Amino acid sequence: MKHYAVQWIEDWCSENGWTDLFQERTDYWAFPPNAVMPVPIPTQVLRAIKANRGLCFEEKVWCAAAGLSAVTAGAFAYFFASPMPLVAAFAFCAVVMARMEDDTF
């Protein structure tokens, strides 16, 4: 799951003189000013960007899906008098929240 919008990082790079941003797996790399070799975008910068911007579009979609599944499961559990929809929704929400965890911190 993407935790940052590329536009956010591109904006930071252009403000600070970094060039040629690219993503390798989950890391963002760019050329610092006057450098000949790309380096990863510093973790402190990514933290600051995330703190200022909040959730990206993909994270918002997954959070909405988790909330909708919980509400739908509650209705189905009541209608069918069975806890199984709640169990399925709990499993789905647990997976979504685990994917929301950012490993770079």
N, C-alpha and C. Protein backbone atom coordinates (compact mmCIF):
# COMPACT_ATOMS: atom_id res chain seq x y z
N MET A 1 0.84 -1.17 0.00
CA MET A 1 0.00 0.00 0.00
C MET A 1 0.89 1.24 0.00
N LYS A 2 0.54 2.19 -0.81
CA LYS A 2 1.27 3.45 -0.83
C LYS A 2 0.89 4.26 0.40
N HIS A 3 1.90 4.82 1.04
CA HIS A 3 1.64 5.66 2.21
C HIS A 3 1.82 7.14 1.89
N TYR A 4 2.40 7.43 0.74
CA TYR A 4 2.66 8.81 0.34
C TYR A 4 2.21 9.00 -1.10
N ALA A 5 1.65 10.16 -1.39
CA ALA A 5 1.36 10.51 -2.77
C ALA A 5 2.67 11.00 -3.39
N VAL A 6 2.96 10.55 -4.59
CA VAL A 6 4.21 10.92 -5.25
C VAL A 6 4.29 12.43 -5.42
N GLN A 7 3.16 13.07 -5.64
CA GLN A 7 3.15 14.52 -5.80
C GLN A 7 3.68 15.24 -4.56
N TRP A 8 3.37 14.71 -3.37
CA TRP A 8 3.86 15.31 -2.14
C TRP A 8 5.38 15.30 -2.10
N ILE A 9 5.96 14.16 -2.46
CA ILE A 9 7.42 14.03 -2.42
C ILE A 9 8.06 14.83 -3.54
N GLU A 10 7.42 14.88 -4.71
CA GLU A 10 7.94 15.70 -5.79
C GLU A 10 7.95 17.18 -5.41
N ASP A 11 6.92 17.62 -4.71
CA ASP A 11 6.88 19.01 -4.25
C ASP A 11 8.04 19.29 -3.30
N TRP A 12 8.29 18.38 -2.36
CA TRP A 12 9.40 18.56 -1.43
C TRP A 12 10.73 18.58 -2.18
N CYS A 13 10.89 17.68 -3.14
CA CYS A 13 12.13 17.62 -3.91
C CYS A 13 12.37 18.92 -4.68
N SER A 14 11.34 19.45 -5.30
CA SER A 14 11.52 20.68 -6.06
C SER A 14 11.82 21.87 -5.14
N GLU A 15 11.24 21.88 -3.95
CA GLU A 15 11.51 22.96 -2.99
C GLU A 15 12.93 22.91 -2.45
N ASN A 16 13.51 21.70 -2.35
CA ASN A 16 14.82 21.53 -1.73
C ASN A 16 15.93 21.22 -2.72
N GLY A 17 15.66 21.27 -4.01
CA GLY A 17 16.70 21.09 -5.01
C GLY A 17 17.04 19.66 -5.34
N TRP A 18 16.25 18.70 -4.92
CA TRP A 18 16.49 17.30 -5.26
C TRP A 18 15.89 17.04 -6.63
N THR A 19 16.50 16.15 -7.40
CA THR A 19 16.04 15.91 -8.77
C THR A 19 15.85 14.41 -9.04
N ASP A 20 15.16 14.12 -10.12
CA ASP A 20 14.97 12.76 -10.65
C ASP A 20 14.46 11.77 -9.60
N LEU A 21 13.34 12.10 -9.02
CA LEU A 21 12.71 11.22 -8.03
C LEU A 21 12.26 9.92 -8.68
N PHE A 22 12.53 8.79 -8.02
CA PHE A 22 11.99 7.50 -8.46
C PHE A 22 11.73 6.64 -7.24
N GLN A 23 10.89 5.62 -7.43
CA GLN A 23 10.52 4.74 -6.34
C GLN A 23 11.01 3.34 -6.63
N GLU A 24 11.68 2.75 -5.66
CA GLU A 24 12.12 1.37 -5.75
C GLU A 24 11.50 0.62 -4.58
N ARG A 25 10.58 -0.29 -4.89
CA ARG A 25 9.77 -1.00 -3.90
C ARG A 25 9.01 0.01 -3.05
N THR A 26 9.39 0.17 -1.79
CA THR A 26 8.69 1.12 -0.93
C THR A 26 9.53 2.34 -0.61
N ASP A 27 10.76 2.42 -1.13
CA ASP A 27 11.65 3.55 -0.86
C ASP A 27 11.61 4.54 -2.00
N TYR A 28 11.72 5.81 -1.65
CA TYR A 28 11.79 6.88 -2.63
C TYR A 28 13.23 7.38 -2.69
N TRP A 29 13.75 7.48 -3.90
CA TRP A 29 15.13 7.89 -4.12
C TRP A 29 15.17 9.12 -5.00
N ALA A 30 16.19 9.96 -4.79
CA ALA A 30 16.38 11.14 -5.63
C ALA A 30 17.83 11.58 -5.52
N PHE A 31 18.21 12.47 -6.41
CA PHE A 31 19.55 13.04 -6.40
C PHE A 31 19.54 14.31 -5.57
N PRO A 32 20.32 14.36 -4.46
CA PRO A 32 20.41 15.60 -3.69
C PRO A 32 21.10 16.69 -4.52
N PRO A 33 21.06 17.93 -4.07
CA PRO A 33 21.74 18.99 -4.81
C PRO A 33 23.23 18.70 -4.97
N ASN A 34 23.74 18.87 -6.18
CA ASN A 34 25.16 18.69 -6.53
C ASN A 34 25.66 17.27 -6.28
N ALA A 35 24.81 16.27 -6.38
CA ALA A 35 25.21 14.88 -6.16
C ALA A 35 25.22 14.12 -7.48
N VAL A 36 26.02 13.06 -7.52
CA VAL A 36 26.10 12.22 -8.71
C VAL A 36 25.50 10.84 -8.48
N MET A 37 25.04 10.59 -7.26
CA MET A 37 24.47 9.29 -6.93
C MET A 37 23.17 9.51 -6.15
N PRO A 38 22.10 8.80 -6.50
CA PRO A 38 20.84 8.99 -5.76
C PRO A 38 20.93 8.41 -4.36
N VAL A 39 20.20 9.01 -3.46
CA VAL A 39 20.11 8.53 -2.08
C VAL A 39 18.63 8.46 -1.70
N PRO A 40 18.29 7.63 -0.71
CA PRO A 40 16.89 7.58 -0.27
C PRO A 40 16.48 8.91 0.34
N ILE A 41 15.22 9.24 0.16
CA ILE A 41 14.67 10.43 0.82
C ILE A 41 14.74 10.17 2.33
N PRO A 42 15.28 11.10 3.12
CA PRO A 42 15.43 10.85 4.57
C PRO A 42 14.10 10.53 5.25
N THR A 43 14.17 9.64 6.21
CA THR A 43 12.99 9.22 6.95
C THR A 43 12.33 10.38 7.67
N GLN A 44 13.13 11.30 8.20
CA GLN A 44 12.57 12.45 8.90
C GLN A 44 11.73 13.30 7.95
N VAL A 45 12.17 13.40 6.70
CA VAL A 45 11.42 14.17 5.71
C VAL A 45 10.09 13.48 5.41
N LEU A 46 10.13 12.15 5.25
CA LEU A 46 8.89 11.41 4.98
C LEU A 46 7.92 11.54 6.15
N ARG A 47 8.44 11.51 7.36
CA ARG A 47 7.58 11.68 8.54
C ARG A 47 6.94 13.06 8.55
N ALA A 48 7.72 14.08 8.22
CA ALA A 48 7.18 15.45 8.20
C ALA A 48 6.12 15.60 7.11
N ILE A 49 6.37 15.01 5.95
CA ILE A 49 5.39 15.08 4.86
C ILE A 49 4.09 14.40 5.28
N LYS A 50 4.21 13.22 5.89
CA LYS A 50 3.03 12.48 6.32
C LYS A 50 2.26 13.24 7.41
N ALA A 51 2.99 13.87 8.33
CA ALA A 51 2.35 14.63 9.40
C ALA A 51 1.59 15.84 8.84
N ASN A 52 2.14 16.46 7.81
CA ASN A 52 1.49 17.64 7.23
C ASN A 52 0.33 17.29 6.33
N ARG A 53 0.45 16.22 5.57
CA ARG A 53 -0.54 15.90 4.54
C ARG A 53 -1.61 14.91 4.99
N GLY A 54 -1.32 14.07 5.97
CA GLY A 54 -2.31 13.09 6.42
C GLY A 54 -2.34 11.84 5.55
N LEU A 55 -3.52 11.29 5.37
CA LEU A 55 -3.68 10.06 4.60
C LEU A 55 -3.71 10.36 3.10
N CYS A 56 -3.08 9.48 2.32
CA CYS A 56 -3.16 9.64 0.87
C CYS A 56 -4.48 9.01 0.38
N PHE A 57 -4.77 9.18 -0.90
CA PHE A 57 -6.05 8.73 -1.45
C PHE A 57 -6.24 7.23 -1.26
N GLU A 58 -5.21 6.43 -1.52
CA GLU A 58 -5.33 4.98 -1.39
C GLU A 58 -5.64 4.57 0.04
N GLU A 59 -5.00 5.21 1.01
CA GLU A 59 -5.28 4.90 2.41
C GLU A 59 -6.71 5.28 2.79
N LYS A 60 -7.20 6.40 2.26
CA LYS A 60 -8.58 6.81 2.54
C LYS A 60 -9.57 5.80 1.98
N VAL A 61 -9.29 5.28 0.79
CA VAL A 61 -10.19 4.28 0.18
C VAL A 61 -10.23 3.02 1.03
N TRP A 62 -9.06 2.54 1.47
CA TRP A 62 -9.03 1.31 2.27
C TRP A 62 -9.69 1.51 3.63
N CYS A 63 -9.53 2.68 4.23
CA CYS A 63 -10.21 2.95 5.51
C CYS A 63 -11.72 2.99 5.33
N ALA A 64 -12.16 3.59 4.24
CA ALA A 64 -13.60 3.62 3.97
C ALA A 64 -14.14 2.22 3.72
N ALA A 65 -13.38 1.39 3.01
CA ALA A 65 -13.81 0.01 2.77
C ALA A 65 -13.89 -0.77 4.07
N ALA A 66 -12.94 -0.56 4.97
CA ALA A 66 -12.97 -1.25 6.26
C ALA A 66 -14.18 -0.81 7.08
N GLY A 67 -14.45 0.48 7.12
CA GLY A 67 -15.61 0.97 7.85
C GLY A 67 -16.92 0.48 7.27
N LEU A 68 -17.01 0.50 5.95
CA LEU A 68 -18.22 0.02 5.28
C LEU A 68 -18.43 -1.48 5.52
N SER A 69 -17.33 -2.24 5.51
CA SER A 69 -17.48 -3.69 5.77
C SER A 69 -17.94 -3.95 7.20
N ALA A 70 -17.47 -3.14 8.14
CA ALA A 70 -17.89 -3.32 9.53
C ALA A 70 -19.38 -3.01 9.70
N VAL A 71 -19.84 -1.93 9.08
CA VAL A 71 -21.25 -1.56 9.18
C VAL A 71 -22.13 -2.61 8.49
N THR A 72 -21.71 -3.04 7.31
CA THR A 72 -22.47 -4.05 6.57
C THR A 72 -22.52 -5.37 7.34
N ALA A 73 -21.38 -5.74 7.92
CA ALA A 73 -21.34 -6.98 8.70
C ALA A 73 -22.25 -6.89 9.91
N GLY A 74 -22.31 -5.72 10.54
CA GLY A 74 -23.22 -5.55 11.67
C GLY A 74 -24.67 -5.74 11.27
N ALA A 75 -25.03 -5.20 10.11
CA ALA A 75 -26.41 -5.37 9.63
C ALA A 75 -26.70 -6.83 9.29
N PHE A 76 -25.76 -7.49 8.60
CA PHE A 76 -25.96 -8.91 8.26
C PHE A 76 -25.99 -9.79 9.50
N ALA A 77 -25.17 -9.48 10.49
CA ALA A 77 -25.17 -10.27 11.72
C ALA A 77 -26.51 -10.15 12.43
N TYR A 78 -27.07 -8.97 12.43
CA TYR A 78 -28.37 -8.78 13.06
C TYR A 78 -29.46 -9.49 12.26
N PHE A 79 -29.43 -9.33 10.93
CA PHE A 79 -30.47 -9.90 10.07
C PHE A 79 -30.45 -11.43 10.10
N PHE A 80 -29.27 -12.02 10.03
CA PHE A 80 -29.15 -13.48 10.00
C PHE A 80 -28.98 -14.10 11.38
N ALA A 81 -28.87 -13.30 12.41
CA ALA A 81 -28.66 -13.76 13.79
C ALA A 81 -27.46 -14.70 13.88
N SER A 82 -26.37 -14.27 13.26
CA SER A 82 -25.15 -15.06 13.23
C SER A 82 -23.94 -14.13 13.40
N PRO A 83 -22.94 -14.56 14.16
CA PRO A 83 -21.76 -13.71 14.34
C PRO A 83 -20.74 -13.83 13.20
N MET A 84 -20.96 -14.72 12.24
CA MET A 84 -19.97 -14.95 11.20
C MET A 84 -19.68 -13.72 10.33
N PRO A 85 -20.65 -12.90 9.97
CA PRO A 85 -20.30 -11.68 9.22
C PRO A 85 -19.37 -10.75 10.01
N LEU A 86 -19.58 -10.69 11.30
CA LEU A 86 -18.70 -9.86 12.13
C LEU A 86 -17.28 -10.43 12.19
N VAL A 87 -17.16 -11.73 12.20
CA VAL A 87 -15.84 -12.37 12.19
C VAL A 87 -15.12 -12.06 10.88
N ALA A 88 -15.84 -12.15 9.78
CA ALA A 88 -15.24 -11.86 8.47
C ALA A 88 -14.83 -10.38 8.38
N ALA A 89 -15.68 -9.50 8.87
CA ALA A 89 -15.36 -8.08 8.84
C ALA A 89 -14.17 -7.76 9.74
N PHE A 90 -14.11 -8.42 10.89
CA PHE A 90 -12.97 -8.23 11.78
C PHE A 90 -11.68 -8.65 11.10
N ALA A 91 -11.70 -9.79 10.42
CA ALA A 91 -10.50 -10.26 9.71
C ALA A 91 -10.10 -9.28 8.61
N PHE A 92 -11.06 -8.79 7.85
CA PHE A 92 -10.76 -7.83 6.79
C PHE A 92 -10.18 -6.54 7.37
N CYS A 93 -10.79 -6.02 8.43
CA CYS A 93 -10.30 -4.79 9.05
C CYS A 93 -8.91 -4.98 9.65
N ALA A 94 -8.64 -6.14 10.21
CA ALA A 94 -7.32 -6.41 10.76
C ALA A 94 -6.26 -6.40 9.66
N VAL A 95 -6.58 -6.98 8.52
CA VAL A 95 -5.63 -6.98 7.41
C VAL A 95 -5.41 -5.56 6.89
N VAL A 96 -6.46 -4.79 6.77
CA VAL A 96 -6.34 -3.41 6.28
C VAL A 96 -5.49 -2.59 7.25
N MET A 97 -5.73 -2.70 8.54
CA MET A 97 -4.96 -1.93 9.51
C MET A 97 -3.50 -2.37 9.55
N ALA A 98 -3.24 -3.65 9.35
CA ALA A 98 -1.85 -4.11 9.28
C ALA A 98 -1.16 -3.54 8.05
N ARG A 99 -1.88 -3.45 6.94
CA ARG A 99 -1.30 -2.87 5.73
C ARG A 99 -1.08 -1.36 5.86
N MET A 100 -1.86 -0.72 6.72
CA MET A 100 -1.70 0.72 6.93
C MET A 100 -0.45 1.04 7.75
N GLU A 101 0.09 0.05 8.44
CA GLU A 101 1.29 0.26 9.23
C GLU A 101 2.45 0.61 8.32
N ASP A 102 3.16 1.68 8.67
CA ASP A 102 4.29 2.13 7.87
C ASP A 102 5.58 1.55 8.45
N ASP A 103 6.31 0.81 7.65
CA ASP A 103 7.51 0.12 8.13
C ASP A 103 8.73 1.01 8.17
N THR A 104 8.68 2.22 7.62
CA THR A 104 9.87 3.07 7.58
C THR A 104 10.13 3.78 8.89
N PHE A 105 9.22 3.68 9.86
CA PHE A 105 9.43 4.42 11.10
C PHE A 105 10.12 3.54 12.05
